[in-house]
PDB file of N, CA and C in Angstrom:
ATOM      1  N   UNK A   1       3.800 -14.895  -5.029  1.00  0.00           N
ATOM      2  CA  UNK A   1       2.555 -14.720  -4.093  1.00  0.00           C
ATOM      3  C   UNK A   1       2.188 -13.332  -4.411  1.00  0.00           C
ATOM      4  N   UNK A   2       0.880 -13.067  -4.496  1.00  0.00           N
ATOM      5  CA  UNK A   2       0.130 -11.753  -4.768  1.00  0.00           C
ATOM      6  C   UNK A   2      -0.737 -11.535  -3.521  1.00  0.00           C
ATOM      7  N   UNK A   3      -1.595 -10.376  -3.632  1.00  0.00           N
ATOM      8  CA  UNK A   3      -2.413 -10.181  -2.769  1.00  0.00           C
ATOM      9  C   UNK A   3      -3.757  -9.761  -3.283  1.00  0.00           C
ATOM     10  N   UNK A   4      -4.774 -10.077  -2.612  1.00  0.00           N
ATOM     11  CA  UNK A   4      -6.164  -9.576  -3.050  1.00  0.00           C
ATOM     12  C   UNK A   4      -6.546  -8.500  -2.053  1.00  0.00           C
ATOM     13  N   UNK A   5      -7.036  -7.341  -2.619  1.00  0.00           N
ATOM     14  CA  UNK A   5      -7.597  -6.310  -1.781  1.00  0.00           C
ATOM     15  C   UNK A   5      -9.039  -6.367  -1.504  1.00  0.00           C
ATOM     16  N   UNK A   6      -9.431  -6.629  -0.085  1.00  0.00           N
ATOM     17  CA  UNK A   6     -10.758  -6.797   0.266  1.00  0.00           C
ATOM     18  C   UNK A   6     -11.462  -5.396   0.430  1.00  0.00           C
ATOM     19  N   UNK A   7     -10.667  -4.486   0.873  1.00  0.00           N
ATOM     20  CA  UNK A   7     -11.300  -3.151   1.168  1.00  0.00           C
ATOM     21  C   UNK A   7     -10.276  -2.141   1.080  1.00  0.00           C
ATOM     22  N   UNK A   8     -10.623  -0.798   0.865  1.00  0.00           N
ATOM     23  CA  UNK A   8      -9.772   0.174   0.980  1.00  0.00           C
ATOM     24  C   UNK A   8     -10.339   1.521   1.588  1.00  0.00           C
ATOM     25  N   UNK A   9      -9.452   2.163   2.526  1.00  0.00           N
ATOM     26  CA  UNK A   9      -9.998   3.118   3.297  1.00  0.00           C
ATOM     27  C   UNK A   9      -9.072   4.415   3.111  1.00  0.00           C
ATOM     28  N   UNK A  10      -9.650   5.476   3.060  1.00  0.00           N
ATOM     29  CA  UNK A  10      -8.921   6.677   2.662  1.00  0.00           C
ATOM     30  C   UNK A  10      -8.031   7.176   3.893  1.00  0.00           C
ATOM     31  N   UNK A  11      -6.699   7.430   3.529  1.00  0.00           N
ATOM     32  CA  UNK A  11      -5.717   7.692   4.631  1.00  0.00           C
ATOM     33  C   UNK A  11      -5.965   9.091   5.415  1.00  0.00           C
ATOM     34  N   UNK A  12      -6.722   9.994   4.655  1.00  0.00           N
ATOM     35  CA  UNK A  12      -7.040  11.330   5.163  1.00  0.00           C
ATOM     36  C   UNK A  12      -8.282  11.246   5.960  1.00  0.00           C
ATOM     37  N   UNK A  13      -8.985  10.010   6.401  1.00  0.00           N
ATOM     38  CA  UNK A  13     -10.146   9.836   7.158  1.00  0.00           C
ATOM     39  C   UNK A  13      -9.850  10.581   8.669  1.00  0.00           C
ATOM     40  N   UNK A  14     -10.773  10.951   9.328  1.00  0.00           N
ATOM     41  CA  UNK A  14     -10.490  11.432  10.586  1.00  0.00           C
ATOM     42  C   UNK A  14      -9.926  10.435  11.574  1.00  0.00           C
ATOM     43  N   UNK A  15     -10.192   9.173  11.503  1.00  0.00           N
ATOM     44  CA  UNK A  15      -9.698   8.222  12.306  1.00  0.00           C
ATOM     45  C   UNK A  15      -8.533   7.426  11.737  1.00  0.00           C
ATOM     46  N   UNK A  16      -7.991   7.960  10.672  1.00  0.00           N
ATOM     47  CA  UNK A  16      -6.861   7.323  10.082  1.00  0.00           C
ATOM     48  C   UNK A  16      -6.966   5.931   9.695  1.00  0.00           C
ATOM     49  N   UNK A  17      -5.905   4.940  10.292  1.00  0.00           N
ATOM     50  CA  UNK A  17      -5.842   3.619   9.889  1.00  0.00           C
ATOM     51  C   UNK A  17      -6.887   2.704  10.790  1.00  0.00           C
ATOM     52  N   UNK A  18      -7.583   3.190  11.611  1.00  0.00           N
ATOM     53  CA  UNK A  18      -8.398   2.480  12.646  1.00  0.00           C
ATOM     54  C   UNK A  18      -9.367   1.807  11.907  1.00  0.00           C
ATOM     55  N   UNK A  19     -10.381   2.429  11.073  1.00  0.00           N
ATOM     56  CA  UNK A  19     -11.350   1.600  10.371  1.00  0.00           C
ATOM     57  C   UNK A  19     -10.536   0.350   9.430  1.00  0.00           C
ATOM     58  N   UNK A  20      -9.666   0.787   8.880  1.00  0.00           N
ATOM     59  CA  UNK A  20      -8.960  -0.473   8.142  1.00  0.00           C
ATOM     60  C   UNK A  20      -8.487  -1.653   9.242  1.00  0.00           C
ATOM     61  N   UNK A  21      -7.874  -1.155  10.293  1.00  0.00           N
ATOM     62  CA  UNK A  21      -7.393  -2.066  11.274  1.00  0.00           C
ATOM     63  C   UNK A  21      -8.626  -2.849  11.970  1.00  0.00           C
ATOM     64  N   UNK A  22      -9.715  -2.246  12.144  1.00  0.00           N
ATOM     65  CA  UNK A  22     -10.844  -3.086  12.650  1.00  0.00           C
ATOM     66  C   UNK A  22     -11.526  -3.807  11.639  1.00  0.00           C
ATOM     67  N   UNK A  23     -11.540  -3.516  10.303  1.00  0.00           N
ATOM     68  CA  UNK A  23     -11.841  -4.466   9.249  1.00  0.00           C
ATOM     69  C   UNK A  23     -11.158  -5.573   9.190  1.00  0.00           C
ATOM     70  N   UNK A  24      -9.811  -5.453   9.150  1.00  0.00           N
ATOM     71  CA  UNK A  24      -8.822  -6.558   9.166  1.00  0.00           C
ATOM     72  C   UNK A  24      -8.869  -7.283  10.297  1.00  0.00           C
ATOM     73  N   UNK A  25      -9.175  -6.961  11.548  1.00  0.00           N
ATOM     74  CA  UNK A  25      -9.432  -7.703  12.698  1.00  0.00           C
ATOM     75  C   UNK A  25     -10.455  -8.678  12.748  1.00  0.00           C
ATOM     76  N   UNK A  26     -11.686  -8.086  12.154  1.00  0.00           N
ATOM     77  CA  UNK A  26     -12.914  -8.873  11.854  1.00  0.00           C
ATOM     78  C   UNK A  26     -12.618  -9.970  10.997  1.00  0.00           C
ATOM     79  N   UNK A  27     -11.840  -9.679   9.947  1.00  0.00           N
ATOM     80  CA  UNK A  27     -11.549 -10.744   8.811  1.00  0.00           C
ATOM     81  C   UNK A  27     -10.733 -11.699   9.596  1.00  0.00           C
ATOM     82  N   UNK A  28      -9.840 -11.379  10.265  1.00  0.00           N
ATOM     83  CA  UNK A  28      -8.804 -12.292  10.980  1.00  0.00           C
ATOM     84  C   UNK A  28      -9.744 -13.324  11.871  1.00  0.00           C
ATOM     85  N   UNK A  29     -10.741 -12.599  12.642  1.00  0.00           N
ATOM     86  CA  UNK A  29     -11.713 -13.492  13.626  1.00  0.00           C
ATOM     87  C   UNK A  29     -12.403 -14.428  12.937  1.00  0.00           C
ATOM     88  N   UNK A  30     -12.571 -14.251  11.496  1.00  0.00           N
ATOM     89  CA  UNK A  30     -13.347 -15.212  10.617  1.00  0.00           C
ATOM     90  C   UNK A  30     -12.373 -16.169   9.786  1.00  0.00           C
ATOM     91  N   UNK A  31     -11.097 -15.995  10.217  1.00  0.00           N
ATOM     92  CA  UNK A  31     -10.208 -16.966   9.762  1.00  0.00           C
ATOM     93  C   UNK A  31      -9.279 -16.524   8.571  1.00  0.00           C
ATOM     94  N   UNK A  32      -9.655 -15.458   8.167  1.00  0.00           N
ATOM     95  CA  UNK A  32      -8.728 -14.925   6.892  1.00  0.00           C
ATOM     96  C   UNK A  32      -7.563 -14.152   7.567  1.00  0.00           C
ATOM     97  N   UNK A  33      -6.360 -14.476   6.755  1.00  0.00           N
ATOM     98  CA  UNK A  33      -5.087 -13.768   7.173  1.00  0.00           C
ATOM     99  C   UNK A  33      -5.126 -12.455   6.560  1.00  0.00           C
ATOM    100  N   UNK A  34      -5.874 -11.498   7.080  1.00  0.00           N
ATOM    101  CA  UNK A  34      -5.928 -10.140   6.537  1.00  0.00           C
ATOM    102  C   UNK A  34      -4.871  -9.272   7.180  1.00  0.00           C
ATOM    103  N   UNK A  35      -4.406  -8.245   6.462  1.00  0.00           N
ATOM    104  CA  UNK A  35      -3.498  -7.317   6.989  1.00  0.00           C
ATOM    105  C   UNK A  35      -3.583  -5.936   6.474  1.00  0.00           C
ATOM    106  N   UNK A  36      -3.171  -5.050   6.980  1.00  0.00           N
ATOM    107  CA  UNK A  36      -3.392  -3.561   6.508  1.00  0.00           C
ATOM    108  C   UNK A  36      -2.104  -3.049   5.773  1.00  0.00           C
ATOM    109  N   UNK A  37      -1.989  -2.658   4.701  1.00  0.00           N
ATOM    110  CA  UNK A  37      -0.925  -1.988   4.076  1.00  0.00           C
ATOM    111  C   UNK A  37      -1.238  -0.756   3.550  1.00  0.00           C
ATOM    112  N   UNK A  38      -0.294   0.238   3.363  1.00  0.00           N
ATOM    113  CA  UNK A  38      -0.465   1.590   2.859  1.00  0.00           C
ATOM    114  C   UNK A  38      -0.103   1.691   1.484  1.00  0.00           C
ATOM    115  N   UNK A  39      -1.097   2.061   0.638  1.00  0.00           N
ATOM    116  CA  UNK A  39      -0.857   2.317  -0.753  1.00  0.00           C
ATOM    117  C   UNK A  39      -0.627   3.899  -0.826  1.00  0.00           C
ATOM    118  N   UNK A  40       0.642   4.155  -1.195  1.00  0.00           N
ATOM    119  CA  UNK A  40       0.997   5.483  -1.035  1.00  0.00           C
ATOM    120  C   UNK A  40       0.578   6.255  -2.388  1.00  0.00           C
ATOM    121  N   UNK A  41       0.395   5.555  -3.684  1.00  0.00           N
ATOM    122  CA  UNK A  41      -0.040   5.992  -4.730  1.00  0.00           C
ATOM    123  C   UNK A  41      -1.484   6.657  -4.775  1.00  0.00           C
ATOM    124  N   UNK A  42      -2.194   5.853  -3.953  1.00  0.00           N
ATOM    125  CA  UNK A  42      -3.620   6.283  -3.834  1.00  0.00           C
ATOM    126  C   UNK A  42      -4.031   6.965  -2.527  1.00  0.00           C
ATOM    127  N   UNK A  43      -2.994   6.944  -1.820  1.00  0.00           N
ATOM    128  CA  UNK A  43      -3.109   7.795  -0.365  1.00  0.00           C
ATOM    129  C   UNK A  43      -4.271   6.885   0.502  1.00  0.00           C
ATOM    130  N   UNK A  44      -4.085   5.633   0.349  1.00  0.00           N
ATOM    131  CA  UNK A  44      -5.229   4.713   1.196  1.00  0.00           C
ATOM    132  C   UNK A  44      -4.701   3.570   1.833  1.00  0.00           C
ATOM    133  N   UNK A  45      -5.262   3.177   2.919  1.00  0.00           N
ATOM    134  CA  UNK A  45      -4.863   1.950   3.543  1.00  0.00           C
ATOM    135  C   UNK A  45      -5.749   0.748   2.942  1.00  0.00           C
ATOM    136  N   UNK A  46      -5.113  -0.192   2.684  1.00  0.00           N
ATOM    137  CA  UNK A  46      -5.597  -1.483   1.939  1.00  0.00           C
ATOM    138  C   UNK A  46      -5.696  -2.424   2.866  1.00  0.00           C
ATOM    139  N   UNK A  47      -6.808  -3.242   2.864  1.00  0.00           N
ATOM    140  CA  UNK A  47      -6.971  -4.588   3.623  1.00  0.00           C
ATOM    141  C   UNK A  47      -6.774  -5.671   2.639  1.00  0.00           C
ATOM    142  N   UNK A  48      -5.639  -6.521   2.879  1.00  0.00           N
ATOM    143  CA  UNK A  48      -5.272  -7.429   1.699  1.00  0.00           C
ATOM    144  C   UNK A  48      -5.248  -8.867   2.556  1.00  0.00           C
ATOM    145  N   UNK A  49      -5.525  -9.806   1.697  1.00  0.00           N
ATOM    146  CA  UNK A  49      -5.197 -11.187   2.007  1.00  0.00           C
ATOM    147  C   UNK A  49      -4.227 -11.746   0.935  1.00  0.00           C
ATOM    148  N   UNK A  50      -3.311 -12.619   1.419  1.00  0.00           N
ATOM    149  CA  UNK A  50      -2.611 -13.218   0.462  1.00  0.00           C
ATOM    150  C   UNK A  50      -3.103 -14.133  -0.657  1.00  0.00           C
ATOM    151  N   UNK A  51      -2.823 -14.401  -1.839  1.00  0.00           N
ATOM    152  CA  UNK A  51      -3.329 -14.994  -2.816  1.00  0.00           C
ATOM    153  C   UNK A  51      -1.970 -16.043  -3.399  1.00  0.00           C
ATOM    154  N   UNK A  52      -2.296 -17.087  -3.928  1.00  0.00           N
ATOM    155  CA  UNK A  52      -1.398 -17.727  -4.557  1.00  0.00           C
ATOM    156  C   UNK A  52      -1.249 -17.383  -6.007  1.00  0.00           C
ATOM    157  N   UNK A  53      -0.275 -17.715  -6.623  1.00  0.00           N
ATOM    158  CA  UNK A  53       0.046 -17.255  -8.059  1.00  0.00           C
ATOM    159  C   UNK A  53      -0.777 -18.250  -8.804  1.00  0.00           C
ATOM    160  N   UNK A  54      -1.109 -19.359  -8.655  1.00  0.00           N
ATOM    161  CA  UNK A  54      -1.766 -20.300  -9.544  1.00  0.00           C
ATOM    162  C   UNK A  54      -3.399 -20.217  -9.207  1.00  0.00           C
ATOM    163  N   UNK A  55      -3.718 -19.097  -8.317  1.00  0.00           N
ATOM    164  CA  UNK A  55      -5.213 -18.897  -8.205  1.00  0.00           C
ATOM    165  C   UNK A  55      -5.927 -18.194  -9.475  1.00  0.00           C
TER     166      UNK A  55
END
């Protein structure tokens, strides 16, 4: 299983992960299983949804 990045938010933003969490919550309200992960290499919070390998 992989993941598709829906949006990325800079970790250094004044509100930290809040914009990413709010975006993910809105996607979950629409029925997508979105979650927030931290990408240390790019110093960003990513909102991702799982994908199947055969997609």
